[in-house]
Amino acid sequence: MKLIALKPIYFGGTVVTEGLPLETLEQHGRELIKKGYAMLDESENPAEQEQQEVKAEKKAKK
């Protein structure tokens, strides 16, 4: 999972500062997002982002 750090994170033996990308496992990434330490890096996966938007639209219609 590719993320962008929102706060300094000690990861992989170094500190990743705000705005820098990092890649981690899915579960760890979701935990960092939930705690507000990172956000999903959507610039790498425009097709995946489009799929998520379509799913959100379908849920909204129900």
Protein backbone atom coordinates (compact mmCIF):
# COMPACT_ATOMS: atom_id res chain seq x y z
CA MET A 1 0.00 0.00 0.00
CA LYS A 2 1.43 3.38 -1.00
CA LEU A 3 0.90 6.24 1.42
CA ILE A 4 1.88 9.87 1.99
CA ALA A 5 3.00 10.75 5.53
CA LEU A 6 0.94 13.45 7.27
CA LYS A 7 3.05 13.38 10.45
CA PRO A 8 6.60 12.16 11.08
CA ILE A 9 6.58 8.35 11.25
CA TYR A 10 9.40 6.10 12.43
CA PHE A 11 9.30 3.42 9.75
CA GLY A 12 11.93 0.99 8.51
CA GLY A 13 14.64 2.33 10.80
CA THR A 14 14.27 5.93 9.61
CA VAL A 15 11.89 8.83 10.14
CA VAL A 16 9.57 9.58 7.22
CA THR A 17 8.62 13.27 7.40
CA GLU A 18 5.43 15.01 6.29
CA GLY A 19 4.64 14.84 2.59
CA LEU A 20 7.03 12.00 1.78
CA PRO A 21 5.78 8.72 0.29
CA LEU A 22 6.15 5.35 1.96
CA GLU A 23 5.05 1.83 1.11
CA THR A 24 3.83 -0.66 3.69
CA LEU A 25 1.56 -3.67 4.09
CA GLU A 26 -2.20 -3.23 3.69
CA GLN A 27 -3.09 -3.70 7.38
CA HIS A 28 -0.34 -1.37 8.63
CA GLY A 29 -1.32 1.23 6.04
CA ARG A 30 -4.97 1.18 7.07
CA GLU A 31 -3.94 1.59 10.71
CA LEU A 32 -1.76 4.62 9.87
CA ILE A 33 -4.63 6.18 7.91
CA LYS A 34 -7.10 5.52 10.74
CA LYS A 35 -4.76 7.16 13.28
CA GLY A 36 -4.20 10.19 11.03
CA TYR A 37 -0.51 9.57 10.39
CA ALA A 38 -0.83 9.04 6.64
CA MET A 39 -3.17 9.24 3.67
CA LEU A 40 -3.52 7.02 0.63
CA ASP A 41 -1.26 7.97 -2.28
CA GLU A 42 -3.85 8.15 -5.05
CA SER A 43 -1.52 9.61 -7.69
CA GLU A 44 -0.08 6.15 -8.47
CA ASN A 45 -3.38 4.31 -9.07
CA PRO A 46 -5.86 6.41 -11.11
CA ALA A 47 -7.70 3.27 -12.32
CA GLU A 48 -8.15 2.01 -8.75
CA GLN A 49 -9.38 5.43 -7.65
CA GLU A 50 -11.95 5.40 -10.46
CA GLN A 51 -13.23 1.98 -9.33
CA GLN A 52 -13.66 3.27 -5.78
CA GLU A 53 -15.66 6.27 -7.05
CA VAL A 54 -17.96 3.98 -9.06
CA LYS A 55 -18.54 1.78 -5.99
CA ALA A 56 -19.32 4.87 -3.90
CA GLU A 57 -21.84 6.07 -6.49
CA LYS A 58 -23.57 2.67 -6.53
CA LYS A 59 -23.82 2.68 -2.72
CA ALA A 60 -25.24 6.21 -2.77
CA LYS A 61 -27.99 5.17 -5.19
CA LYS A 62 -29.22 2.36 -2.90
